[in-house]
Amino acid sequence: MNHQRKLFISACLGLALLAPVQAQVQSAEAFPSRPIKIVVPFTPGGATDITARVIGEKLQGQWGQPVLIENRPGGGSNIGADYVAKSAPDGYTIVLGVTGSHGINISLYKKMPYHPLRDFEPITQATVYPNTIIVHPSHPANTLQELLAMARKEPGKIPYGHDGTGTGSHLAMALLLHKAGTTMQPVPYKGSSQIMTDVMGQQIPVGVTGIIAVMPNYKAGKLKILGFTSPERIASAPDVPTIAEQGFPGFSGEPWSGFFAPKGTPKPIVEKLADGLITAMRQPDVAKRMAELGTPLVGSRPDEFRAYVEKEIEKWAEAVKVSGATAD
């Protein structure tokens, strides 16, 4: 084989290798050319749904393409996530995943239809939804340590309401009690509203649930918050200390949400989605709206978000283990 023929073959091979890369770049440049679907693995009206709609509206304005919100509830958030995992990896169908679908369920369920990382491309973390430990204003405990002292005197006897077995509120409290060396009696509810009704009506002494539902009643003086599960204080309740500040350094047990695309979505498209979503989250009116709800926005890059999810899977695995919770 002469030298010129070798050069020709090498050039052809080089072009063949470059072709898929060039196709991905061209595809990303044209993206999006049709509507984008954001799947929410819950019913309309909740925190995750609100987050998707607020951010999706801004994304639609940026790109001039419709952004459709599709609610696919069920299976502890697994149904919506699994639908996206099995969708075409082209960037047009993404999911606003949550702590359950992409952090907890891999340890909670014996059989999972997908893996939270192997079957997805993380795009960006959207927000965190801190849980709160609440009591009636007349409750004798005014701090978390006072409540834990009461629990140590009567291990396993003081009931606390949570959002359901295996939820972030249940597992965060189980992990806290494990670290505190005591126990309380977990009582599962179907959601925040009934927990607050029973705490305000003094039917149950303690509740653990999300901040969005709690804040209006807290501001009205109908509830007392003993601590937040977030690592930092909340701007809408700056006087309330975190659990980490009350004897548990580094404690973090807040639910979160973040955007994921199906595995195999080209990296240039994942990056473009991240750019658009982060730009949407940084709009002042979006930040203000979410801050009012007590849910700070994050807006991390894909690699940062992947590393965060890896750590979350480990953390919630420990919480599931100490709680003894299972689901199928």
C-alpha atoms as a PDB file:
ATOM      1  CA  MET A   1       0.000   0.000   0.000  1.00  0.00           C
ATOM      2  CA  ASN A   2       1.524   3.313  -1.071  1.00  0.00           C
ATOM      3  CA  HIS A   3       1.818   6.343   1.193  1.00  0.00           C
ATOM      4  CA  GLN A   4      -0.952   8.324  -0.527  1.00  0.00           C
ATOM      5  CA  ARG A   5      -3.416   5.443  -0.171  1.00  0.00           C
ATOM      6  CA  LYS A   6      -2.613   5.160   3.552  1.00  0.00           C
ATOM      7  CA  LEU A   7      -3.236   8.877   3.997  1.00  0.00           C
ATOM      8  CA  PHE A   8      -6.542   8.594   2.137  1.00  0.00           C
ATOM      9  CA  ILE A   9      -7.730   5.691   4.325  1.00  0.00           C
ATOM     10  CA  SER A  10      -6.654   7.511   7.501  1.00  0.00           C
ATOM     11  CA  ALA A  11      -8.555  10.611   6.412  1.00  0.00           C
ATOM     12  CA  CYS A  12     -11.686   8.559   5.694  1.00  0.00           C
ATOM     13  CA  LEU A  13     -11.501   6.889   9.112  1.00  0.00           C
ATOM     14  CA  GLY A  14     -11.041  10.259  10.784  1.00  0.00           C
ATOM     15  CA  LEU A  15     -14.101  11.662   9.014  1.00  0.00           C
ATOM     16  CA  ALA A  16     -16.126   8.586   9.960  1.00  0.00           C
ATOM     17  CA  LEU A  17     -15.221   9.074  13.617  1.00  0.00           C
ATOM     18  CA  LEU A  18     -15.994  12.789  13.494  1.00  0.00           C
ATOM     19  CA  ALA A  19     -19.350  12.357  11.775  1.00  0.00           C
ATOM     20  CA  PRO A  20     -21.352  11.314  14.899  1.00  0.00           C
ATOM     21  CA  VAL A  21     -19.805  14.161  16.905  1.00  0.00           C
ATOM     22  CA  GLN A  22     -20.637  16.693  14.190  1.00  0.00           C
ATOM     23  CA  ALA A  23     -24.183  15.305  13.959  1.00  0.00           C
ATOM     24  CA  GLN A  24     -24.630  15.759  17.720  1.00  0.00           C
ATOM     25  CA  VAL A  25     -23.355  19.340  17.571  1.00  0.00           C
ATOM     26  CA  GLN A  26     -25.660  20.155  14.643  1.00  0.00           C
ATOM     27  CA  SER A  27     -28.572  18.504  16.468  1.00  0.00           C
ATOM     28  CA  ALA A  28     -27.865  20.574  19.583  1.00  0.00           C
ATOM     29  CA  GLU A  29     -27.650  23.770  17.537  1.00  0.00           C
ATOM     30  CA  ALA A  30     -31.127  23.103  16.120  1.00  0.00           C
ATOM     31  CA  PHE A  31     -32.527  22.059  19.515  1.00  0.00           C
ATOM     32  CA  PRO A  32     -35.343  22.571  20.325  1.00  0.00           C
ATOM     33  CA  SER A  33     -37.294  22.477  17.096  1.00  0.00           C
ATOM     34  CA  ARG A  34     -40.531  21.140  18.610  1.00  0.00           C
ATOM     35  CA  PRO A  35     -42.339  21.053  21.992  1.00  0.00           C
ATOM     36  CA  ILE A  36     -40.510  19.828  25.103  1.00  0.00           C
ATOM     37  CA  LYS A  37     -42.323  17.654  27.618  1.00  0.00           C
ATOM     38  CA  ILE A  38     -41.519  17.872  31.343  1.00  0.00           C
ATOM     39  CA  VAL A  39     -42.930  14.873  33.198  1.00  0.00           C
ATOM     40  CA  VAL A  40     -43.916  15.449  36.827  1.00  0.00           C
ATOM     41  CA  PRO A  41     -44.270  12.169  38.768  1.00  0.00           C
ATOM     42  CA  PHE A  42     -47.069  13.588  40.960  1.00  0.00           C
ATOM     43  CA  THR A  43     -50.574  14.992  40.626  1.00  0.00           C
ATOM     44  CA  PRO A  44     -51.041  18.696  39.775  1.00  0.00           C
ATOM     45  CA  GLY A  45     -50.834  21.361  42.469  1.00  0.00           C
ATOM     46  CA  GLY A  46     -48.009  20.063  44.653  1.00  0.00           C
ATOM     47  CA  ALA A  47     -44.548  21.510  45.164  1.00  0.00           C
ATOM     48  CA  THR A  48     -42.922  19.560  42.306  1.00  0.00           C
ATOM     49  CA  ASP A  49     -45.717  20.460  39.901  1.00  0.00           C
ATOM     50  CA  ILE A  50     -45.486  24.162  40.820  1.00  0.00           C
ATOM     51  CA  THR A  51     -41.713  24.101  40.326  1.00  0.00           C
ATOM     52  CA  ALA A  52     -42.037  22.521  36.873  1.00  0.00           C
ATOM     53  CA  ARG A  53     -44.678  25.002  35.735  1.00  0.00           C
ATOM     54  CA  VAL A  54     -42.863  28.112  36.988  1.00  0.00           C
ATOM     55  CA  ILE A  55     -39.555  27.073  35.369  1.00  0.00           C
ATOM     56  CA  GLY A  56     -41.212  25.617  32.263  1.00  0.00           C
ATOM     57  CA  GLU A  57     -42.980  28.886  31.514  1.00  0.00           C
ATOM     58  CA  LYS A  58     -39.647  30.738  31.432  1.00  0.00           C
ATOM     59  CA  LEU A  59     -38.038  28.018  29.326  1.00  0.00           C
ATOM     60  CA  GLN A  60     -40.839  28.358  26.791  1.00  0.00           C
ATOM     61  CA  GLY A  61     -40.231  32.099  26.592  1.00  0.00           C
ATOM     62  CA  GLN A  62     -36.513  31.578  25.971  1.00  0.00           C
ATOM     63  CA  TRP A  63     -36.775  29.036  23.184  1.00  0.00           C
ATOM     64  CA  GLY A  64     -40.072  29.905  21.559  1.00  0.00           C
ATOM     65  CA  GLN A  65     -41.250  26.308  21.745  1.00  0.00           C
ATOM     66  CA  PRO A  66     -44.114  25.007  23.889  1.00  0.00           C
ATOM     67  CA  VAL A  67     -43.071  23.401  27.174  1.00  0.00           C
ATOM     68  CA  LEU A  68     -45.715  20.885  28.197  1.00  0.00           C
ATOM     69  CA  ILE A  69     -46.135  19.664  31.766  1.00  0.00           C
ATOM     70  CA  GLU A  70     -47.381  16.074  31.935  1.00  0.00           C
ATOM     71  CA  ASN A  71     -48.382  14.637  35.307  1.00  0.00           C
ATOM     72  CA  ARG A  72     -47.746  10.893  35.677  1.00  0.00           C
ATOM     73  CA  PRO A  73     -48.288  10.083  39.369  1.00  0.00           C
ATOM     74  CA  GLY A  74     -48.027   6.747  41.129  1.00  0.00           C
ATOM     75  CA  GLY A  75     -45.608   4.153  42.384  1.00  0.00           C
ATOM     76  CA  GLY A  76     -43.983   6.532  44.846  1.00  0.00           C
ATOM     77  CA  SER A  77     -42.849   8.683  41.841  1.00  0.00           C
ATOM     78  CA  ASN A  78     -41.492   5.617  39.999  1.00  0.00           C
ATOM     79  CA  ILE A  79     -44.125   5.583  37.247  1.00  0.00           C
ATOM     80  CA  GLY A  80     -43.303   9.015  35.846  1.00  0.00           C
ATOM     81  CA  ALA A  81     -39.557   8.480  36.142  1.00  0.00           C
ATOM     82  CA  ASP A  82     -39.720   5.077  34.448  1.00  0.00           C
ATOM     83  CA  TYR A  83     -41.720   6.560  31.559  1.00  0.00           C
ATOM     84  CA  VAL A  84     -38.927   9.044  30.887  1.00  0.00           C
ATOM     85  CA  ALA A  85     -36.181   6.444  31.340  1.00  0.00           C
ATOM     86  CA  LYS A  86     -37.767   4.508  28.466  1.00  0.00           C
ATOM     87  CA  SER A  87     -38.395   7.581  26.265  1.00  0.00           C
ATOM     88  CA  ALA A  88     -36.331   8.564  23.233  1.00  0.00           C
ATOM     89  CA  PRO A  89     -32.965  10.054  24.303  1.00  0.00           C
ATOM     90  CA  ASP A  90     -33.381  13.229  22.259  1.00  0.00           C
ATOM     91  CA  GLY A  91     -33.944  15.870  24.947  1.00  0.00           C
ATOM     92  CA  TYR A  92     -37.635  16.366  24.175  1.00  0.00           C
ATOM     93  CA  THR A  93     -38.909  14.321  27.126  1.00  0.00           C
ATOM     94  CA  ILE A  94     -37.375  14.994  30.541  1.00  0.00           C
ATOM     95  CA  VAL A  95     -38.493  14.407  34.104  1.00  0.00           C
ATOM     96  CA  LEU A  96     -38.449  16.619  37.143  1.00  0.00           C
ATOM     97  CA  GLY A  97     -37.209  13.830  39.383  1.00  0.00           C
ATOM     98  CA  VAL A  98     -37.339  13.996  43.165  1.00  0.00           C
ATOM     99  CA  THR A  99     -35.693  12.522  46.232  1.00  0.00           C
ATOM    100  CA  GLY A 100     -37.962   9.490  46.017  1.00  0.00           C
ATOM    101  CA  SER A 101     -37.556   8.670  42.340  1.00  0.00           C
ATOM    102  CA  HIS A 102     -33.804   9.316  42.201  1.00  0.00           C
ATOM    103  CA  GLY A 103     -32.541   9.043  45.785  1.00  0.00           C
ATOM    104  CA  ILE A 104     -34.669   6.912  48.104  1.00  0.00           C
ATOM    105  CA  ASN A 105     -36.562   4.337  46.054  1.00  0.00           C
ATOM    106  CA  ILE A 106     -33.511   2.394  44.877  1.00  0.00           C
ATOM    107  CA  SER A 107     -33.070   1.352  48.543  1.00  0.00           C
ATOM    108  CA  LEU A 108     -36.745   1.267  49.503  1.00  0.00           C
ATOM    109  CA  TYR A 109     -38.166  -0.958  46.748  1.00  0.00           C
ATOM    110  CA  LYS A 110     -37.039  -4.556  46.283  1.00  0.00           C
ATOM    111  CA  LYS A 111     -37.686  -4.306  42.535  1.00  0.00           C
ATOM    112  CA  MET A 112     -37.049  -1.095  40.622  1.00  0.00           C
ATOM    113  CA  PRO A 113     -37.940  -0.640  36.924  1.00  0.00           C
ATOM    114  CA  TYR A 114     -34.936   1.648  36.402  1.00  0.00           C
ATOM    115  CA  HIS A 115     -31.697   2.803  38.032  1.00  0.00           C
ATOM    116  CA  PRO A 116     -31.639   6.492  39.067  1.00  0.00           C
ATOM    117  CA  LEU A 117     -28.234   7.134  37.472  1.00  0.00           C
ATOM    118  CA  ARG A 118     -27.495   4.332  35.013  1.00  0.00           C
ATOM    119  CA  ASP A 119     -30.748   5.003  33.127  1.00  0.00           C
ATOM    120  CA  PHE A 120     -30.619   8.818  33.161  1.00  0.00           C
ATOM    121  CA  GLU A 121     -28.492  11.822  32.281  1.00  0.00           C
ATOM    122  CA  PRO A 122     -28.629  14.325  35.169  1.00  0.00           C
ATOM    123  CA  ILE A 123     -29.219  17.861  33.846  1.00  0.00           C
ATOM    124  CA  THR A 124     -29.507  20.247  36.797  1.00  0.00           C
ATOM    125  CA  GLN A 125     -30.793  20.311  40.357  1.00  0.00           C
ATOM    126  CA  ALA A 126     -33.845  22.554  40.562  1.00  0.00           C
ATOM    127  CA  THR A 127     -34.520  23.146  44.232  1.00  0.00           C
ATOM    128  CA  VAL A 128     -34.695  21.767  47.746  1.00  0.00           C
ATOM    129  CA  TYR A 129     -37.867  21.382  49.802  1.00  0.00           C
ATOM    130  CA  PRO A 130     -36.821  21.470  53.467  1.00  0.00           C
ATOM    131  CA  ASN A 131     -38.898  19.462  55.889  1.00  0.00           C
ATOM    132  CA  THR A 132     -39.951  20.990  59.174  1.00  0.00           C
ATOM    133  CA  ILE A 133     -40.465  19.567  62.650  1.00  0.00           C
ATOM    134  CA  ILE A 134     -43.663  21.171  63.915  1.00  0.00           C
ATOM    135  CA  VAL A 135     -45.600  21.253  67.185  1.00  0.00           C
ATOM    136  CA  HIS A 136     -48.582  23.164  68.559  1.00  0.00           C
ATOM    137  CA  PRO A 137     -47.682  26.630  69.941  1.00  0.00           C
ATOM    138  CA  SER A 138     -48.543  25.400  73.453  1.00  0.00           C
ATOM    139  CA  HIS A 139     -46.218  22.369  73.240  1.00  0.00           C
ATOM    140  CA  PRO A 140     -43.680  22.397  76.118  1.00  0.00           C
ATOM    141  CA  ALA A 141     -40.699  21.895  73.790  1.00  0.00           C
ATOM    142  CA  ASN A 142     -39.337  25.114  72.320  1.00  0.00           C
ATOM    143  CA  THR A 143     -36.194  23.586  70.791  1.00  0.00           C
ATOM    144  CA  LEU A 144     -35.290  20.345  69.106  1.00  0.00           C
ATOM    145  CA  GLN A 145     -33.093  19.303  72.033  1.00  0.00           C
ATOM    146  CA  GLU A 146     -36.017  19.766  74.419  1.00  0.00           C
ATOM    147  CA  LEU A 147     -38.169  17.515  72.247  1.00  0.00           C
ATOM    148  CA  LEU A 148     -35.413  14.874  72.081  1.00  0.00           C
ATOM    149  CA  ALA A 149     -35.003  15.031  75.857  1.00  0.00           C
ATOM    150  CA  MET A 150     -38.705  14.229  76.194  1.00  0.00           C
ATOM    151  CA  ALA A 151     -38.291  11.345  73.738  1.00  0.00           C
ATOM    152  CA  ARG A 152     -35.375   9.916  75.726  1.00  0.00           C
ATOM    153  CA  LYS A 153     -37.547   9.819  78.847  1.00  0.00           C
ATOM    154  CA  GLU A 154     -40.218   7.823  76.985  1.00  0.00           C
ATOM    155  CA  PRO A 155     -38.489   5.947  74.129  1.00  0.00           C
ATOM    156  CA  GLY A 156     -40.853   4.939  71.342  1.00  0.00           C
ATOM    157  CA  LYS A 157     -43.932   6.434  72.996  1.00  0.00           C
ATOM    158  CA  ILE A 158     -44.226   9.977  71.617  1.00  0.00           C
ATOM    159  CA  PRO A 159     -45.958   9.829  68.215  1.00  0.00           C
ATOM    160  CA  TYR A 160     -44.983  11.966  65.241  1.00  0.00           C
ATOM    161  CA  GLY A 161     -46.861  12.297  61.987  1.00  0.00           C
ATOM    162  CA  HIS A 162     -45.026  12.064  58.658  1.00  0.00           C
ATOM    163  CA  ASP A 163     -45.962  12.088  54.958  1.00  0.00           C
ATOM    164  CA  GLY A 164     -45.921   8.318  54.528  1.00  0.00           C
ATOM    165  CA  THR A 165     -43.640   5.325  54.972  1.00  0.00           C
ATOM    166  CA  GLY A 166     -40.418   5.781  53.056  1.00  0.00           C
ATOM    167  CA  THR A 167     -40.954   9.478  52.312  1.00  0.00           C
ATOM    168  CA  GLY A 168     -38.291  12.100  52.962  1.00  0.00           C
ATOM    169  CA  SER A 169     -40.047  13.339  56.108  1.00  0.00           C
ATOM    170  CA  HIS A 170     -40.250   9.830  57.578  1.00  0.00           C
ATOM    171  CA  LEU A 171     -36.669   8.904  56.747  1.00  0.00           C
ATOM    172  CA  ALA A 172     -35.140  12.231  57.787  1.00  0.00           C
ATOM    173  CA  MET A 173     -36.785  11.923  61.222  1.00  0.00           C
ATOM    174  CA  ALA A 174     -35.734   8.277  61.520  1.00  0.00           C
ATOM    175  CA  LEU A 175     -32.147   9.239  60.726  1.00  0.00           C
ATOM    176  CA  LEU A 176     -32.234  12.116  63.230  1.00  0.00           C
ATOM    177  CA  LEU A 177     -33.611   9.913  66.014  1.00  0.00           C
ATOM    178  CA  HIS A 178     -30.974   7.277  65.230  1.00  0.00           C
ATOM    179  CA  LYS A 179     -28.232   9.881  65.583  1.00  0.00           C
ATOM    180  CA  ALA A 180     -29.866  11.180  68.780  1.00  0.00           C
ATOM    181  CA  GLY A 181     -29.947   7.704  70.300  1.00  0.00           C
ATOM    182  CA  THR A 182     -33.677   7.583  70.909  1.00  0.00           C
ATOM    183  CA  THR A 183     -36.955   6.597  69.253  1.00  0.00           C
ATOM    184  CA  MET A 184     -40.432   7.989  68.703  1.00  0.00           C
ATOM    185  CA  GLN A 185     -43.573   6.388  67.288  1.00  0.00           C
ATOM    186  CA  PRO A 186     -43.920   7.086  63.533  1.00  0.00           C
ATOM    187  CA  VAL A 187     -47.478   7.659  62.299  1.00  0.00           C
ATOM    188  CA  PRO A 188     -47.928   7.722  58.503  1.00  0.00           C
ATOM    189  CA  TYR A 189     -50.274  10.262  56.919  1.00  0.00           C
ATOM    190  CA  LYS A 190     -51.262  10.808  53.284  1.00  0.00           C
ATOM    191  CA  GLY A 191     -49.915  14.340  53.153  1.00  0.00           C
ATOM    192  CA  SER A 192     -49.138  17.633  54.834  1.00  0.00           C
ATOM    193  CA  SER A 193     -52.643  19.028  55.250  1.00  0.00           C
ATOM    194  CA  GLN A 194     -53.893  16.305  57.602  1.00  0.00           C
ATOM    195  CA  ILE A 195     -50.658  16.374  59.603  1.00  0.00           C
ATOM    196  CA  MET A 196     -51.047  20.104  60.193  1.00  0.00           C
ATOM    197  CA  THR A 197     -54.743  19.750  61.031  1.00  0.00           C
ATOM    198  CA  ASP A 198     -53.946  17.155  63.677  1.00  0.00           C
ATOM    199  CA  VAL A 199     -50.974  19.078  65.118  1.00  0.00           C
ATOM    200  CA  MET A 200     -52.983  22.317  65.279  1.00  0.00           C
ATOM    201  CA  GLY A 201     -55.905  20.384  66.792  1.00  0.00           C
ATOM    202  CA  GLN A 202     -53.521  18.696  69.248  1.00  0.00           C
ATOM    203  CA  GLN A 203     -54.542  15.237  68.031  1.00  0.00           C
ATOM    204  CA  ILE A 204     -50.864  14.395  67.568  1.00  0.00           C
ATOM    205  CA  PRO A 205     -48.008  16.193  69.378  1.00  0.00           C
ATOM    206  CA  VAL A 206     -45.383  16.334  66.616  1.00  0.00           C
ATOM    207  CA  GLY A 207     -45.414  16.512  62.836  1.00  0.00           C
ATOM    208  CA  VAL A 208     -42.686  16.304  60.204  1.00  0.00           C
ATOM    209  CA  THR A 209     -43.610  17.622  56.763  1.00  0.00           C
ATOM    210  CA  GLY A 210     -42.636  19.962  53.942  1.00  0.00           C
ATOM    211  CA  ILE A 211     -42.110  23.675  54.343  1.00  0.00           C
ATOM    212  CA  ILE A 212     -44.466  24.814  51.559  1.00  0.00           C
ATOM    213  CA  ALA A 213     -47.563  23.631  53.397  1.00  0.00           C
ATOM    214  CA  VAL A 214     -46.295  24.694  56.830  1.00  0.00           C
ATOM    215  CA  MET A 215     -45.247  28.310  56.248  1.00  0.00           C
ATOM    216  CA  PRO A 216     -48.705  29.949  56.021  1.00  0.00           C
ATOM    217  CA  ASN A 217     -49.796  28.403  59.328  1.00  0.00           C
ATOM    218  CA  TYR A 218     -46.443  29.137  60.936  1.00  0.00           C
ATOM    219  CA  LYS A 219     -46.662  32.807  59.947  1.00  0.00           C
ATOM    220  CA  ALA A 220     -50.223  32.897  61.294  1.00  0.00           C
ATOM    221  CA  GLY A 221     -48.955  31.668  64.682  1.00  0.00           C
ATOM    222  CA  LYS A 222     -50.801  28.366  64.465  1.00  0.00           C
ATOM    223  CA  LEU A 223     -47.680  26.209  64.509  1.00  0.00           C
ATOM    224  CA  LYS A 224     -44.248  26.227  66.113  1.00  0.00           C
ATOM    225  CA  ILE A 225     -41.253  25.038  64.070  1.00  0.00           C
ATOM    226  CA  LEU A 226     -38.492  23.337  66.063  1.00  0.00           C
ATOM    227  CA  GLY A 227     -36.073  22.863  63.185  1.00  0.00           C
ATOM    228  CA  PHE A 228     -35.458  22.532  59.478  1.00  0.00           C
ATOM    229  CA  THR A 229     -33.866  19.505  57.816  1.00  0.00           C
ATOM    230  CA  SER A 230     -31.911  21.753  55.421  1.00  0.00           C
ATOM    231  CA  PRO A 231     -28.197  22.487  56.056  1.00  0.00           C
ATOM    232  CA  GLU A 232     -28.880  26.252  56.038  1.00  0.00           C
ATOM    233  CA  ARG A 233     -31.542  28.469  57.569  1.00  0.00           C
ATOM    234  CA  ILE A 234     -34.561  29.448  55.481  1.00  0.00           C
ATOM    235  CA  ALA A 235     -34.918  33.088  54.431  1.00  0.00           C
ATOM    236  CA  SER A 236     -38.666  33.100  55.099  1.00  0.00           C
ATOM    237  CA  ALA A 237     -38.082  31.953  58.717  1.00  0.00           C
ATOM    238  CA  PRO A 238     -34.597  33.244  59.597  1.00  0.00           C
ATOM    239  CA  ASP A 239     -35.030  32.857  63.365  1.00  0.00           C
ATOM    240  CA  VAL A 240     -35.646  29.110  63.195  1.00  0.00           C
ATOM    241  CA  PRO A 241     -32.416  27.085  63.548  1.00  0.00           C
ATOM    242  CA  THR A 242     -31.602  24.049  61.466  1.00  0.00           C
ATOM    243  CA  ILE A 243     -31.221  20.563  62.915  1.00  0.00           C
ATOM    244  CA  ALA A 244     -27.507  20.830  62.106  1.00  0.00           C
ATOM    245  CA  GLU A 245     -27.224  23.862  64.398  1.00  0.00           C
ATOM    246  CA  GLN A 246     -28.916  22.039  67.276  1.00  0.00           C
ATOM    247  CA  GLY A 247     -26.313  19.419  68.054  1.00  0.00           C
ATOM    248  CA  PHE A 248     -26.112  17.520  64.742  1.00  0.00           C
ATOM    249  CA  PRO A 249     -23.356  19.128  62.642  1.00  0.00           C
ATOM    250  CA  GLY A 250     -23.617  18.356  58.954  1.00  0.00           C
ATOM    251  CA  PHE A 251     -27.143  16.945  59.219  1.00  0.00           C
ATOM    252  CA  SER A 252     -29.052  17.272  55.972  1.00  0.00           C
ATOM    253  CA  GLY A 253     -32.296  15.536  55.148  1.00  0.00           C
ATOM    254  CA  GLU A 254     -34.176  17.804  52.808  1.00  0.00           C
ATOM    255  CA  PRO A 255     -36.064  16.504  49.794  1.00  0.00           C
ATOM    256  CA  TRP A 256     -35.108  17.994  46.430  1.00  0.00           C
ATOM    257  CA  SER A 257     -36.028  18.006  42.770  1.00  0.00           C
ATOM    258  CA  GLY A 258     -33.951  18.027  39.607  1.00  0.00           C
ATOM    259  CA  PHE A 259     -34.206  17.528  35.880  1.00  0.00           C
ATOM    260  CA  PHE A 260     -33.108  14.281  34.195  1.00  0.00           C
ATOM    261  CA  ALA A 261     -33.039  13.152  30.565  1.00  0.00           C
ATOM    262  CA  PRO A 262     -33.032   9.529  29.344  1.00  0.00           C
ATOM    263  CA  LYS A 263     -29.655   7.803  29.235  1.00  0.00           C
ATOM    264  CA  GLY A 264     -27.937   8.322  25.910  1.00  0.00           C
ATOM    265  CA  THR A 265     -29.190  11.854  25.347  1.00  0.00           C
ATOM    266  CA  PRO A 266     -26.285  13.567  23.521  1.00  0.00           C
ATOM    267  CA  LYS A 267     -24.087  15.623  25.835  1.00  0.00           C
ATOM    268  CA  PRO A 268     -24.441  18.838  23.765  1.00  0.00           C
ATOM    269  CA  ILE A 269     -28.233  18.606  24.180  1.00  0.00           C
ATOM    270  CA  VAL A 270     -27.919  17.891  27.924  1.00  0.00           C
ATOM    271  CA  GLU A 271     -25.695  20.973  28.221  1.00  0.00           C
ATOM    272  CA  LYS A 272     -28.134  23.103  26.240  1.00  0.00           C
ATOM    273  CA  LEU A 273     -31.008  21.940  28.449  1.00  0.00           C
ATOM    274  CA  ALA A 274     -28.939  22.783  31.516  1.00  0.00           C
ATOM    275  CA  ASP A 275     -28.160  26.252  30.129  1.00  0.00           C
ATOM    276  CA  GLY A 276     -31.823  26.958  29.452  1.00  0.00           C
ATOM    277  CA  LEU A 277     -33.115  25.623  32.763  1.00  0.00           C
ATOM    278  CA  ILE A 278     -30.478  27.445  34.806  1.00  0.00           C
ATOM    279  CA  THR A 279     -31.183  30.703  32.952  1.00  0.00           C
ATOM    280  CA  ALA A 280     -34.898  30.248  33.700  1.00  0.00           C
ATOM    281  CA  MET A 281     -34.204  29.620  37.397  1.00  0.00           C
ATOM    282  CA  ARG A 282     -32.079  32.752  37.644  1.00  0.00           C
ATOM    283  CA  GLN A 283     -34.889  35.060  36.528  1.00  0.00           C
ATOM    284  CA  PRO A 284     -35.690  37.365  39.469  1.00  0.00           C
ATOM    285  CA  ASP A 285     -39.432  36.653  39.444  1.00  0.00           C
ATOM    286  CA  VAL A 286     -38.820  32.882  39.443  1.00  0.00           C
ATOM    287  CA  ALA A 287     -36.354  33.124  42.335  1.00  0.00           C
ATOM    288  CA  LYS A 288     -38.779  35.356  44.251  1.00  0.00           C
ATOM    289  CA  ARG A 289     -41.720  33.016  43.693  1.00  0.00           C
ATOM    290  CA  MET A 290     -39.800  29.976  44.903  1.00  0.00           C
ATOM    291  CA  ALA A 291     -38.260  31.857  47.858  1.00  0.00           C
ATOM    292  CA  GLU A 292     -41.763  32.842  48.993  1.00  0.00           C
ATOM    293  CA  LEU A 293     -42.616  29.138  49.061  1.00  0.00           C
ATOM    294  CA  GLY A 294     -39.487  28.485  51.135  1.00  0.00           C
ATOM    295  CA  THR A 295     -37.812  26.418  48.411  1.00  0.00           C
ATOM    296  CA  PRO A 296     -34.411  27.815  47.371  1.00  0.00           C
ATOM    297  CA  LEU A 297     -33.348  27.238  43.759  1.00  0.00           C
ATOM    298  CA  VAL A 298     -30.033  25.536  43.000  1.00  0.00           C
ATOM    299  CA  GLY A 299     -29.203  25.391  39.277  1.00  0.00           C
ATOM    300  CA  SER A 300     -26.127  23.122  39.259  1.00  0.00           C
ATOM    301  CA  ARG A 301     -24.245  21.881  36.202  1.00  0.00           C
ATOM    302  CA  PRO A 302     -24.787  18.261  34.997  1.00  0.00           C
ATOM    303  CA  ASP A 303     -21.557  16.875  36.523  1.00  0.00           C
ATOM    304  CA  GLU A 304     -22.246  18.607  39.846  1.00  0.00           C
ATOM    305  CA  PHE A 305     -25.770  17.255  39.908  1.00  0.00           C
ATOM    306  CA  ARG A 306     -24.578  13.715  39.176  1.00  0.00           C
ATOM    307  CA  ALA A 307     -22.143  13.874  42.112  1.00  0.00           C
ATOM    308  CA  TYR A 308     -24.929  15.216  44.352  1.00  0.00           C
ATOM    309  CA  VAL A 309     -27.299  12.378  43.406  1.00  0.00           C
ATOM    310  CA  GLU A 310     -24.590   9.787  44.082  1.00  0.00           C
ATOM    311  CA  LYS A 311     -24.182  11.130  47.633  1.00  0.00           C
ATOM    312  CA  GLU A 312     -27.941  11.334  48.134  1.00  0.00           C
ATOM    313  CA  ILE A 313     -28.389   7.678  47.188  1.00  0.00           C
ATOM    314  CA  GLU A 314     -25.830   6.729  49.853  1.00  0.00           C
ATOM    315  CA  LYS A 315     -27.381   8.980  52.516  1.00  0.00           C
ATOM    316  CA  TRP A 316     -30.942   7.788  52.001  1.00  0.00           C
ATOM    317  CA  ALA A 317     -29.794   4.166  51.898  1.00  0.00           C
ATOM    318  CA  GLU A 318     -28.596   4.646  55.488  1.00  0.00           C
ATOM    319  CA  ALA A 319     -31.896   6.293  56.435  1.00  0.00           C
ATOM    320  CA  VAL A 320     -33.933   3.455  54.893  1.00  0.00           C
ATOM    321  CA  LYS A 321     -31.810   0.919  56.781  1.00  0.00           C
ATOM    322  CA  VAL A 322     -32.211   2.530  60.217  1.00  0.00           C
ATOM    323  CA  SER A 323     -35.943   3.120  59.645  1.00  0.00           C
ATOM    324  CA  GLY A 324     -36.621  -0.471  58.593  1.00  0.00           C
ATOM    325  CA  ALA A 325     -38.935   0.827  55.871  1.00  0.00           C
ATOM    326  CA  THR A 326     -39.730  -1.242  52.776  1.00  0.00           C
ATOM    327  CA  ALA A 327     -42.162  -0.805  49.872  1.00  0.00           C
ATOM    328  CA  ASP A 328     -43.248  -2.876  46.873  1.00  0.00           C
END
